[in-house]
């Protein structure tokens, strides 16, 4: 396992900061997104007006959003139904299983896809294992679902190592090529 597995391609403060223009400039046709604390705060299942506007901007720009989550089908389906987006549940991140499923079933090329998430040890690692670019975002709220605490504890040390090895990485407002 190499450090590059955990090194995000991009770091953007929030998923809503990804613009259609930035995505299209990089050849992105499909955005894959983690659910909890990336797309939706786990304690705000209805989302925000900002999320709804961002989703409309993507649709207007011809970019599809697909949720790739480790959660149960029941949980993900309930969360994304009001948003009218496709999803893959039980994706088993950090394994690339969910991402590869989307690539295969939607006939997408790796360079047309980007994976966005709030965790290095699941979202970024899965993206790089699947051969797609990654965007690390800050989590929407500081608290997590109880299942995430161990991952966050380990991730704290991994982040420190990644950021020391790659001092150019910092939170941006837009996609910035390093």
N, C-alpha and C. Protein backbone atom coordinates (compact mmCIF):
# COMPACT_ATOMS: atom_id res chain seq x y z
N UNK A 1 0.85 -1.18 0.00
CA UNK A 1 0.00 0.00 0.00
C UNK A 1 0.89 1.24 0.00
N UNK A 2 0.62 2.13 -0.92
CA UNK A 2 1.44 3.33 -1.08
C UNK A 2 0.69 4.55 -0.55
N UNK A 3 1.46 5.55 -0.18
CA UNK A 3 0.90 6.79 0.33
C UNK A 3 -0.04 7.44 -0.69
N UNK A 4 0.25 7.26 -1.97
CA UNK A 4 -0.57 7.85 -3.03
C UNK A 4 -2.01 7.33 -3.01
N UNK A 5 -2.22 6.14 -2.46
CA UNK A 5 -3.59 5.62 -2.33
C UNK A 5 -4.47 6.56 -1.49
N UNK A 6 -3.83 7.25 -0.54
CA UNK A 6 -4.57 8.12 0.38
C UNK A 6 -4.43 9.60 0.05
N UNK A 7 -3.73 9.91 -1.03
CA UNK A 7 -3.50 11.30 -1.40
C UNK A 7 -4.56 11.76 -2.40
N UNK A 8 -5.42 12.68 -2.00
CA UNK A 8 -6.49 13.11 -2.91
C UNK A 8 -5.93 13.85 -4.13
N UNK A 9 -6.61 13.68 -5.24
CA UNK A 9 -6.25 14.42 -6.45
C UNK A 9 -6.52 15.91 -6.23
N UNK A 10 -7.65 16.19 -5.60
CA UNK A 10 -8.07 17.56 -5.30
C UNK A 10 -8.59 17.63 -3.87
N UNK A 11 -8.53 18.82 -3.30
CA UNK A 11 -9.16 19.08 -2.00
C UNK A 11 -10.01 20.34 -2.14
N UNK A 12 -11.30 20.18 -1.94
CA UNK A 12 -12.24 21.28 -2.06
C UNK A 12 -13.04 21.34 -0.76
N UNK A 13 -13.30 22.53 -0.28
CA UNK A 13 -13.96 22.67 1.01
C UNK A 13 -15.28 21.90 1.10
N UNK A 14 -16.14 22.08 0.11
CA UNK A 14 -17.45 21.42 0.13
C UNK A 14 -17.78 20.91 -1.25
N UNK A 15 -18.61 19.89 -1.30
CA UNK A 15 -18.99 19.32 -2.59
C UNK A 15 -19.67 20.37 -3.46
N UNK A 16 -20.39 21.31 -2.83
CA UNK A 16 -21.11 22.34 -3.57
C UNK A 16 -20.17 23.31 -4.27
N UNK A 17 -18.88 23.29 -3.91
CA UNK A 17 -17.90 24.16 -4.56
C UNK A 17 -17.45 23.61 -5.91
N UNK A 18 -17.82 22.39 -6.23
CA UNK A 18 -17.48 21.82 -7.54
C UNK A 18 -18.44 22.41 -8.57
N UNK A 19 -17.90 23.15 -9.51
CA UNK A 19 -18.75 23.78 -10.51
C UNK A 19 -18.79 22.95 -11.79
N UNK A 20 -19.85 23.12 -12.52
CA UNK A 20 -19.99 22.45 -13.81
C UNK A 20 -18.81 22.81 -14.71
N UNK A 21 -18.41 24.07 -14.70
CA UNK A 21 -17.31 24.52 -15.55
C UNK A 21 -16.01 23.80 -15.21
N UNK A 22 -15.69 23.72 -13.90
CA UNK A 22 -14.47 23.02 -13.47
C UNK A 22 -14.51 21.54 -13.84
N UNK A 23 -15.66 20.93 -13.64
CA UNK A 23 -15.79 19.50 -13.94
C UNK A 23 -15.65 19.24 -15.44
N UNK A 24 -16.36 20.04 -16.24
CA UNK A 24 -16.28 19.86 -17.69
C UNK A 24 -14.88 20.13 -18.23
N UNK A 25 -14.19 21.11 -17.65
CA UNK A 25 -12.83 21.43 -18.08
C UNK A 25 -11.88 20.25 -17.87
N UNK A 26 -12.25 19.35 -16.96
CA UNK A 26 -11.43 18.17 -16.67
C UNK A 26 -12.02 16.90 -17.28
N UNK A 27 -13.02 17.07 -18.15
CA UNK A 27 -13.61 15.93 -18.85
C UNK A 27 -14.53 15.07 -18.02
N UNK A 28 -15.03 15.61 -16.91
CA UNK A 28 -15.89 14.84 -16.00
C UNK A 28 -17.33 14.85 -16.51
N UNK A 29 -17.89 13.65 -16.68
CA UNK A 29 -19.29 13.49 -17.08
C UNK A 29 -20.15 12.97 -15.93
N UNK A 30 -19.50 12.33 -14.95
CA UNK A 30 -20.23 11.74 -13.82
C UNK A 30 -19.47 12.00 -12.53
N UNK A 31 -20.19 12.50 -11.54
CA UNK A 31 -19.63 12.70 -10.20
C UNK A 31 -20.18 11.58 -9.32
N UNK A 32 -19.26 10.85 -8.71
CA UNK A 32 -19.65 9.86 -7.71
C UNK A 32 -19.44 10.52 -6.36
N UNK A 33 -20.40 10.37 -5.47
CA UNK A 33 -20.29 11.06 -4.18
C UNK A 33 -20.66 10.13 -3.04
N UNK A 34 -19.90 10.24 -1.98
CA UNK A 34 -20.25 9.62 -0.72
C UNK A 34 -21.53 10.30 -0.22
N UNK A 35 -22.25 9.63 0.65
CA UNK A 35 -23.51 10.19 1.13
C UNK A 35 -23.34 11.01 2.41
N UNK A 36 -23.06 10.33 3.52
CA UNK A 36 -23.05 10.98 4.83
C UNK A 36 -21.85 11.89 5.02
N UNK A 37 -22.16 13.12 5.37
CA UNK A 37 -21.18 14.17 5.66
C UNK A 37 -20.42 14.64 4.44
N UNK A 38 -20.82 14.17 3.25
CA UNK A 38 -20.30 14.69 2.00
C UNK A 38 -21.43 15.38 1.25
N UNK A 39 -22.45 14.61 0.91
CA UNK A 39 -23.60 15.14 0.19
C UNK A 39 -24.65 15.67 1.16
N UNK A 40 -24.89 14.91 2.20
CA UNK A 40 -25.87 15.28 3.23
C UNK A 40 -25.24 15.16 4.61
N UNK A 41 -25.57 16.06 5.50
CA UNK A 41 -25.19 15.88 6.90
C UNK A 41 -26.03 14.71 7.40
N UNK A 42 -25.41 13.79 8.11
CA UNK A 42 -26.13 12.57 8.51
C UNK A 42 -27.36 12.89 9.35
N UNK A 43 -27.35 14.05 10.01
CA UNK A 43 -28.50 14.41 10.85
C UNK A 43 -29.45 15.39 10.16
N UNK A 44 -29.25 15.63 8.84
CA UNK A 44 -30.15 16.51 8.08
C UNK A 44 -30.51 15.80 6.78
N UNK A 45 -31.39 14.82 6.85
CA UNK A 45 -31.69 13.99 5.68
C UNK A 45 -32.37 14.73 4.53
N UNK A 46 -32.89 15.93 4.78
CA UNK A 46 -33.57 16.66 3.72
C UNK A 46 -32.62 17.48 2.87
N UNK A 47 -31.37 17.65 3.31
CA UNK A 47 -30.43 18.45 2.55
C UNK A 47 -30.70 19.94 2.72
N UNK A 48 -29.99 20.72 1.96
CA UNK A 48 -30.09 22.17 2.07
C UNK A 48 -30.51 22.74 0.71
N UNK A 49 -31.00 23.98 0.70
CA UNK A 49 -31.28 24.62 -0.58
C UNK A 49 -30.03 24.68 -1.47
N UNK A 50 -28.87 24.84 -0.85
CA UNK A 50 -27.61 24.88 -1.58
C UNK A 50 -27.36 23.56 -2.31
N UNK A 51 -27.66 22.45 -1.66
CA UNK A 51 -27.52 21.13 -2.29
C UNK A 51 -28.47 21.01 -3.48
N UNK A 52 -29.69 21.40 -3.28
CA UNK A 52 -30.68 21.29 -4.36
C UNK A 52 -30.29 22.15 -5.57
N UNK A 53 -29.74 23.33 -5.32
CA UNK A 53 -29.28 24.19 -6.42
C UNK A 53 -28.09 23.57 -7.13
N UNK A 54 -27.16 22.99 -6.37
CA UNK A 54 -25.98 22.34 -6.95
C UNK A 54 -26.40 21.17 -7.83
N UNK A 55 -27.35 20.37 -7.35
CA UNK A 55 -27.84 19.24 -8.14
C UNK A 55 -28.50 19.73 -9.43
N UNK A 56 -29.24 20.82 -9.35
CA UNK A 56 -29.86 21.38 -10.56
C UNK A 56 -28.81 21.89 -11.53
N UNK A 57 -27.77 22.52 -10.99
CA UNK A 57 -26.67 23.00 -11.84
C UNK A 57 -26.01 21.83 -12.57
N UNK A 58 -25.77 20.73 -11.86
CA UNK A 58 -25.19 19.54 -12.51
C UNK A 58 -26.09 19.03 -13.62
N UNK A 59 -27.38 18.91 -13.32
CA UNK A 59 -28.33 18.42 -14.33
C UNK A 59 -28.35 19.34 -15.55
N UNK A 60 -28.41 20.63 -15.29
CA UNK A 60 -28.43 21.60 -16.40
C UNK A 60 -27.15 21.52 -17.23
N UNK A 61 -26.04 21.15 -16.57
CA UNK A 61 -24.76 21.04 -17.26
C UNK A 61 -24.51 19.67 -17.87
N UNK A 62 -25.47 18.77 -17.72
CA UNK A 62 -25.31 17.44 -18.32
C UNK A 62 -24.36 16.53 -17.56
N UNK A 63 -24.17 16.79 -16.28
CA UNK A 63 -23.31 15.95 -15.45
C UNK A 63 -24.18 15.17 -14.49
N UNK A 64 -23.98 13.86 -14.47
CA UNK A 64 -24.78 13.00 -13.61
C UNK A 64 -24.10 12.83 -12.25
N UNK A 65 -24.91 12.75 -11.21
CA UNK A 65 -24.43 12.45 -9.87
C UNK A 65 -24.93 11.07 -9.48
N UNK A 66 -24.03 10.23 -8.98
CA UNK A 66 -24.39 8.91 -8.47
C UNK A 66 -23.77 8.77 -7.09
N UNK A 67 -24.59 8.42 -6.11
CA UNK A 67 -24.11 8.22 -4.75
C UNK A 67 -23.50 6.83 -4.64
N UNK A 68 -22.31 6.77 -4.05
CA UNK A 68 -21.64 5.49 -3.78
C UNK A 68 -21.40 5.45 -2.28
N UNK A 69 -22.17 4.61 -1.61
CA UNK A 69 -22.19 4.61 -0.15
C UNK A 69 -21.96 3.22 0.43
N UNK A 70 -21.38 3.18 1.60
CA UNK A 70 -21.23 1.92 2.34
C UNK A 70 -22.49 1.58 3.12
N UNK A 71 -23.44 2.48 3.14
CA UNK A 71 -24.67 2.26 3.91
C UNK A 71 -25.57 1.21 3.27
N UNK A 72 -26.59 0.83 4.04
CA UNK A 72 -27.56 -0.15 3.56
C UNK A 72 -28.41 0.43 2.43
N UNK A 73 -28.96 -0.44 1.65
CA UNK A 73 -29.83 -0.01 0.55
C UNK A 73 -31.00 0.81 1.08
N UNK A 74 -31.59 0.35 2.17
CA UNK A 74 -32.74 1.04 2.75
C UNK A 74 -32.37 2.48 3.16
N UNK A 75 -31.22 2.63 3.81
CA UNK A 75 -30.77 3.94 4.28
C UNK A 75 -30.48 4.88 3.10
N UNK A 76 -29.72 4.39 2.11
CA UNK A 76 -29.34 5.23 0.98
C UNK A 76 -30.56 5.59 0.14
N UNK A 77 -31.40 4.60 -0.13
CA UNK A 77 -32.59 4.86 -0.94
C UNK A 77 -33.47 5.93 -0.30
N UNK A 78 -33.66 5.85 1.00
CA UNK A 78 -34.48 6.84 1.71
C UNK A 78 -33.85 8.24 1.61
N UNK A 79 -32.52 8.30 1.71
CA UNK A 79 -31.84 9.59 1.68
C UNK A 79 -31.85 10.23 0.30
N UNK A 80 -31.68 9.44 -0.76
CA UNK A 80 -31.54 10.03 -2.09
C UNK A 80 -32.84 10.12 -2.88
N UNK A 81 -33.87 9.44 -2.42
CA UNK A 81 -35.15 9.48 -3.16
C UNK A 81 -35.63 10.91 -3.43
N UNK A 82 -35.64 11.80 -2.42
CA UNK A 82 -36.08 13.18 -2.69
C UNK A 82 -35.15 13.93 -3.64
N UNK A 83 -33.90 13.46 -3.77
CA UNK A 83 -32.92 14.14 -4.62
C UNK A 83 -32.96 13.63 -6.06
N UNK A 84 -33.64 12.51 -6.27
CA UNK A 84 -33.78 11.91 -7.60
C UNK A 84 -32.41 11.63 -8.23
N UNK A 85 -31.55 10.92 -7.47
CA UNK A 85 -30.26 10.50 -8.00
C UNK A 85 -30.10 8.99 -7.85
N UNK A 86 -29.29 8.42 -8.72
CA UNK A 86 -29.01 6.99 -8.65
C UNK A 86 -28.02 6.74 -7.53
N UNK A 87 -27.92 5.46 -7.12
CA UNK A 87 -27.01 5.14 -6.03
C UNK A 87 -26.53 3.70 -6.09
N UNK A 88 -25.42 3.46 -5.42
CA UNK A 88 -24.91 2.13 -5.15
C UNK A 88 -24.75 2.05 -3.64
N UNK A 89 -25.38 1.07 -3.03
CA UNK A 89 -25.24 0.87 -1.59
C UNK A 89 -24.30 -0.30 -1.33
N UNK A 90 -23.98 -0.52 -0.07
CA UNK A 90 -23.07 -1.62 0.30
C UNK A 90 -21.83 -1.64 -0.60
N UNK A 91 -21.26 -0.50 -0.88
CA UNK A 91 -20.15 -0.43 -1.84
C UNK A 91 -18.84 -0.99 -1.29
N UNK A 92 -18.75 -1.15 0.00
CA UNK A 92 -17.58 -1.75 0.66
C UNK A 92 -16.29 -0.93 0.49
N UNK A 93 -16.42 0.39 0.41
CA UNK A 93 -15.23 1.23 0.36
C UNK A 93 -14.40 0.96 1.62
N UNK A 94 -13.12 0.80 1.54
CA UNK A 94 -12.20 1.25 0.53
C UNK A 94 -12.02 0.33 -0.68
N UNK A 95 -12.70 -0.79 -0.71
CA UNK A 95 -12.62 -1.61 -1.92
C UNK A 95 -13.22 -0.82 -3.08
N UNK A 96 -12.75 -1.03 -4.28
CA UNK A 96 -13.26 -0.27 -5.43
C UNK A 96 -14.57 -0.81 -5.98
N UNK A 97 -15.16 -1.79 -5.35
CA UNK A 97 -16.34 -2.50 -5.83
C UNK A 97 -17.45 -1.60 -6.34
N UNK A 98 -17.91 -0.65 -5.52
CA UNK A 98 -19.02 0.22 -5.90
C UNK A 98 -18.69 1.11 -7.08
N UNK A 99 -17.49 1.65 -7.10
CA UNK A 99 -17.07 2.53 -8.19
C UNK A 99 -16.96 1.73 -9.49
N UNK A 100 -16.34 0.56 -9.42
CA UNK A 100 -16.20 -0.28 -10.61
C UNK A 100 -17.57 -0.72 -11.14
N UNK A 101 -18.52 -0.95 -10.24
CA UNK A 101 -19.88 -1.30 -10.65
C UNK A 101 -20.50 -0.17 -11.47
N UNK A 102 -20.32 1.07 -11.01
CA UNK A 102 -20.86 2.23 -11.74
C UNK A 102 -20.17 2.35 -13.10
N UNK A 103 -18.87 2.21 -13.14
CA UNK A 103 -18.14 2.31 -14.42
C UNK A 103 -18.66 1.28 -15.41
N UNK A 104 -18.85 0.07 -14.94
CA UNK A 104 -19.28 -1.04 -15.80
C UNK A 104 -20.74 -0.86 -16.25
N UNK A 105 -21.63 -0.58 -15.32
CA UNK A 105 -23.06 -0.53 -15.66
C UNK A 105 -23.46 0.73 -16.42
N UNK A 106 -22.68 1.79 -16.29
CA UNK A 106 -22.99 3.04 -16.99
C UNK A 106 -22.06 3.27 -18.18
N UNK A 107 -21.22 2.30 -18.45
CA UNK A 107 -20.31 2.35 -19.61
C UNK A 107 -19.48 3.64 -19.61
N UNK A 108 -18.87 3.91 -18.47
CA UNK A 108 -18.07 5.12 -18.30
C UNK A 108 -16.58 4.80 -18.35
N UNK A 109 -15.82 5.75 -18.84
CA UNK A 109 -14.37 5.65 -18.82
C UNK A 109 -13.87 6.26 -17.52
N UNK A 110 -12.80 5.72 -17.00
CA UNK A 110 -12.27 6.21 -15.72
C UNK A 110 -11.99 7.71 -15.73
N UNK A 111 -11.50 8.23 -16.86
CA UNK A 111 -11.16 9.66 -16.91
C UNK A 111 -12.39 10.56 -16.95
N UNK A 112 -13.60 9.99 -17.12
CA UNK A 112 -14.84 10.76 -17.16
C UNK A 112 -15.51 10.85 -15.78
N UNK A 113 -14.89 10.22 -14.79
CA UNK A 113 -15.51 10.06 -13.48
C UNK A 113 -14.61 10.66 -12.40
N UNK A 114 -15.24 11.21 -11.37
CA UNK A 114 -14.51 11.69 -10.20
C UNK A 114 -15.28 11.25 -8.96
N UNK A 115 -14.56 10.82 -7.93
CA UNK A 115 -15.18 10.39 -6.68
C UNK A 115 -14.95 11.45 -5.62
N UNK A 116 -16.03 11.87 -4.96
CA UNK A 116 -15.97 12.91 -3.94
C UNK A 116 -16.39 12.33 -2.60
N UNK A 117 -15.58 12.58 -1.59
CA UNK A 117 -15.92 12.09 -0.26
C UNK A 117 -15.16 12.82 0.83
N UNK A 118 -15.56 12.55 2.05
CA UNK A 118 -14.97 13.25 3.20
C UNK A 118 -13.96 12.40 3.96
N UNK A 119 -13.63 11.21 3.44
CA UNK A 119 -12.70 10.36 4.17
C UNK A 119 -11.60 9.81 3.25
N UNK A 120 -10.36 9.93 3.72
CA UNK A 120 -9.21 9.39 2.99
C UNK A 120 -9.24 7.86 2.96
N UNK A 121 -9.63 7.26 4.09
CA UNK A 121 -9.52 5.81 4.23
C UNK A 121 -10.64 5.03 3.57
N UNK A 122 -11.63 5.71 3.09
CA UNK A 122 -12.70 5.02 2.35
C UNK A 122 -12.83 5.60 0.95
N UNK A 123 -13.22 6.85 0.85
CA UNK A 123 -13.54 7.47 -0.45
C UNK A 123 -12.32 7.66 -1.35
N UNK A 124 -11.27 8.26 -0.82
CA UNK A 124 -10.07 8.52 -1.64
C UNK A 124 -9.39 7.21 -2.00
N UNK A 125 -9.25 6.33 -1.04
CA UNK A 125 -8.60 5.05 -1.28
C UNK A 125 -9.37 4.23 -2.32
N UNK A 126 -10.70 4.19 -2.20
CA UNK A 126 -11.52 3.45 -3.17
C UNK A 126 -11.38 4.06 -4.57
N UNK A 127 -11.38 5.38 -4.65
CA UNK A 127 -11.24 6.05 -5.95
C UNK A 127 -9.94 5.65 -6.62
N UNK A 128 -8.85 5.75 -5.89
CA UNK A 128 -7.55 5.44 -6.49
C UNK A 128 -7.42 3.95 -6.80
N UNK A 129 -8.02 3.09 -5.99
CA UNK A 129 -8.02 1.66 -6.28
C UNK A 129 -8.79 1.35 -7.56
N UNK A 130 -9.79 2.17 -7.85
CA UNK A 130 -10.58 1.99 -9.07
C UNK A 130 -9.98 2.73 -10.26
N UNK A 131 -8.95 3.52 -10.02
CA UNK A 131 -8.29 4.25 -11.10
C UNK A 131 -8.98 5.53 -11.51
N UNK A 132 -9.74 6.14 -10.58
CA UNK A 132 -10.40 7.42 -10.88
C UNK A 132 -9.85 8.51 -9.97
N UNK A 133 -10.00 9.75 -10.41
CA UNK A 133 -9.56 10.88 -9.60
C UNK A 133 -10.45 11.05 -8.38
N UNK A 134 -9.87 11.67 -7.35
CA UNK A 134 -10.61 11.84 -6.09
C UNK A 134 -10.64 13.30 -5.67
N UNK A 135 -11.71 13.63 -4.95
CA UNK A 135 -11.83 14.96 -4.33
C UNK A 135 -12.14 14.72 -2.86
N UNK A 136 -11.27 15.20 -2.00
CA UNK A 136 -11.53 15.16 -0.57
C UNK A 136 -12.22 16.46 -0.20
N UNK A 137 -13.34 16.35 0.51
CA UNK A 137 -14.05 17.53 0.99
C UNK A 137 -14.07 17.51 2.51
N UNK A 138 -14.23 18.69 3.09
CA UNK A 138 -14.40 18.75 4.53
C UNK A 138 -15.77 18.20 4.88
N UNK A 139 -15.86 17.51 5.98
CA UNK A 139 -17.16 16.97 6.34
C UNK A 139 -18.13 18.10 6.66
N UNK A 140 -19.39 17.88 6.33
CA UNK A 140 -20.40 18.93 6.48
C UNK A 140 -20.60 19.35 7.92
N UNK A 141 -20.57 18.38 8.84
CA UNK A 141 -20.68 18.69 10.27
C UNK A 141 -19.62 17.89 11.01
N UNK A 142 -19.26 18.34 12.18
CA UNK A 142 -18.17 17.71 12.94
C UNK A 142 -18.52 16.33 13.48
N UNK A 143 -19.78 16.11 13.78
CA UNK A 143 -20.15 14.80 14.32
C UNK A 143 -20.41 13.82 13.19
N UNK A 144 -20.25 12.55 13.50
CA UNK A 144 -20.45 11.48 12.54
C UNK A 144 -21.41 10.46 13.11
N UNK A 145 -21.83 9.57 12.26
CA UNK A 145 -22.57 8.41 12.74
C UNK A 145 -21.60 7.61 13.62
N UNK A 146 -22.11 6.89 14.57
CA UNK A 146 -21.25 6.21 15.55
C UNK A 146 -20.28 5.23 14.90
N UNK A 147 -20.62 4.64 13.77
CA UNK A 147 -19.77 3.64 13.14
C UNK A 147 -18.46 4.23 12.60
N UNK A 148 -18.39 5.54 12.46
CA UNK A 148 -17.27 6.20 11.78
C UNK A 148 -16.14 6.58 12.73
N UNK A 149 -16.32 6.51 14.02
CA UNK A 149 -15.33 7.05 14.96
C UNK A 149 -13.96 6.40 14.84
N UNK A 150 -13.89 5.07 14.67
CA UNK A 150 -12.60 4.39 14.57
C UNK A 150 -11.86 4.82 13.30
N UNK A 151 -12.59 4.90 12.20
CA UNK A 151 -12.00 5.34 10.95
C UNK A 151 -11.44 6.75 11.08
N UNK A 152 -12.17 7.65 11.73
CA UNK A 152 -11.71 9.04 11.91
C UNK A 152 -10.44 9.08 12.77
N UNK A 153 -10.37 8.21 13.77
CA UNK A 153 -9.20 8.17 14.63
C UNK A 153 -7.95 7.76 13.83
N UNK A 154 -8.06 6.72 13.04
CA UNK A 154 -6.95 6.27 12.21
C UNK A 154 -6.63 7.31 11.15
N UNK A 155 -7.67 7.87 10.55
CA UNK A 155 -7.49 8.85 9.48
C UNK A 155 -6.71 10.08 9.94
N UNK A 156 -6.87 10.46 11.17
CA UNK A 156 -6.17 11.62 11.71
C UNK A 156 -4.65 11.45 11.52
N UNK A 157 -4.15 10.27 11.77
CA UNK A 157 -2.71 10.01 11.63
C UNK A 157 -2.30 9.89 10.17
N UNK A 158 -3.15 9.28 9.37
CA UNK A 158 -2.86 9.14 7.93
C UNK A 158 -2.82 10.53 7.29
N UNK A 159 -3.77 11.40 7.63
CA UNK A 159 -3.80 12.77 7.09
C UNK A 159 -2.50 13.50 7.41
N UNK A 160 -2.04 13.36 8.63
CA UNK A 160 -0.82 14.03 9.04
C UNK A 160 0.34 13.59 8.14
N UNK A 161 0.46 12.32 7.87
CA UNK A 161 1.53 11.79 7.03
C UNK A 161 1.37 12.28 5.59
N UNK A 162 0.15 12.22 5.06
CA UNK A 162 -0.12 12.66 3.69
C UNK A 162 0.21 14.14 3.53
N UNK A 163 -0.24 14.97 4.46
CA UNK A 163 -0.02 16.41 4.34
C UNK A 163 1.46 16.77 4.53
N UNK A 164 2.18 16.03 5.34
CA UNK A 164 3.62 16.27 5.47
C UNK A 164 4.34 15.92 4.17
N UNK A 165 3.93 14.83 3.54
CA UNK A 165 4.56 14.39 2.30
C UNK A 165 4.16 15.27 1.11
N UNK A 166 3.00 15.90 1.19
CA UNK A 166 2.47 16.72 0.10
C UNK A 166 2.05 18.09 0.64
N UNK A 167 3.01 18.95 0.98
CA UNK A 167 2.67 20.24 1.60
C UNK A 167 1.85 21.17 0.70
N UNK A 168 1.81 20.89 -0.60
CA UNK A 168 1.02 21.74 -1.51
C UNK A 168 -0.48 21.50 -1.34
N UNK A 169 -0.87 20.40 -0.73
CA UNK A 169 -2.29 20.11 -0.55
C UNK A 169 -2.89 21.06 0.49
N UNK A 170 -3.96 21.73 0.08
CA UNK A 170 -4.69 22.58 1.02
C UNK A 170 -6.12 22.72 0.53
N UNK A 171 -6.99 23.13 1.43
CA UNK A 171 -8.40 23.28 1.08
C UNK A 171 -8.56 24.42 0.10
N UNK A 172 -9.30 24.16 -0.96
CA UNK A 172 -9.53 25.13 -2.02
C UNK A 172 -11.03 25.41 -2.14
N UNK A 173 -11.34 26.49 -2.86
CA UNK A 173 -12.74 26.81 -3.16
C UNK A 173 -13.15 26.26 -4.52
N UNK A 174 -12.16 25.87 -5.34
CA UNK A 174 -12.42 25.32 -6.66
C UNK A 174 -11.44 24.18 -6.91
N UNK A 175 -11.67 23.44 -7.98
CA UNK A 175 -10.70 22.40 -8.36
C UNK A 175 -9.43 23.08 -8.84
N UNK A 176 -8.33 22.75 -8.24
CA UNK A 176 -7.06 23.34 -8.62
C UNK A 176 -6.09 22.21 -8.92
N UNK A 177 -5.54 22.22 -10.13
CA UNK A 177 -4.57 21.20 -10.51
C UNK A 177 -3.23 21.52 -9.86
N UNK A 178 -2.66 20.52 -9.23
CA UNK A 178 -1.37 20.71 -8.53
C UNK A 178 -0.20 20.55 -9.46
